[in-house]
Amino acid sequence: MAMARNTFGTLVVGGALTATLAALVYPSMLGVQATSSDPSRIIANTQWGPLTEGDRDFVVKVRSAGLWEYPLGELALEKGSTPEMKEAGKHLIVGHAGLDELCRKIAPMLNITLPNQATPQQQQFVATSAAQSGLQFDSTAANILRVTHGQIFPTIAKMRASTTNTLVRQLADLANDTVLNHITVLENTGVVNFDQVNFQQTTPPKLPKDQLTPPAAQPGALTPRPDLGINTASPTPSPTAS
């Protein structure tokens, strides 16, 4: 059934989706300009271990991702045309609220300033999806999200393997579980165009730096949603017959 939905979705929105993703995807689909000149350079020695430029940028990127993926999750819960898309929305909301809580907990401990507004590029991800309805909304939102999650996944693994800061390692653990969970539920929607997603993940065009730089940080938090009853821990693999 998932394969049938995938084929149908590709036939209906494939051309429009290709144009949409091609217009949106840039050097980092994450939408955040890295500030590291040398990711391995130690910028502070803390009681939780050395903090590098790469560590700091990772915490900022996790927070920034939630600032647009959380509201897009709310849109999916509202506008999703299938139970699978609405379920994906729930997981996005709960997962990023949890990551946001941990980011805001460790950031002051590590003297890291967090953004409180999505970048212009990230805001466009939400606006582009919000302008669609029905299957077109499902496909646009799911594919944009699948590209971003596919791009950040290797970064999380690298951070988890290399950081010597225990707080950053804790965030990487949670981010790994959350992103894998999100990838899984997005793929379960049956509308992910894997060929296009893989292409956009590996060959993104360019975007001016000012479109990737988060605005100045302000206080703020994403709202936890325990009422949704969602667990974003790593899913147990369940391969299906092709």
Foldseek 3Di string as FASTA:
>chain_A
DLQVLQVVLCVVCVVVLLVVLQVQFAPALLLADQPDPPQADFPDQAPQGTHGSVLLSVLQSLLLSLQQQLVLLVVQLVFPQDPLSNVLSLLSNQLSQVLQVLSVVCCVRVVHFYADHHFLSSVVLSVVLNVDGYSNSLQSNLQSLLLNLVQCQVVLVVCCVDDSGPSSVVSSQSSNLSSLLSNVSSSSVSHHPVVSSVCSNPDRHHDDNSRRHGPGHDDDHRDHCVVSVDDSGHDDDDDDDD
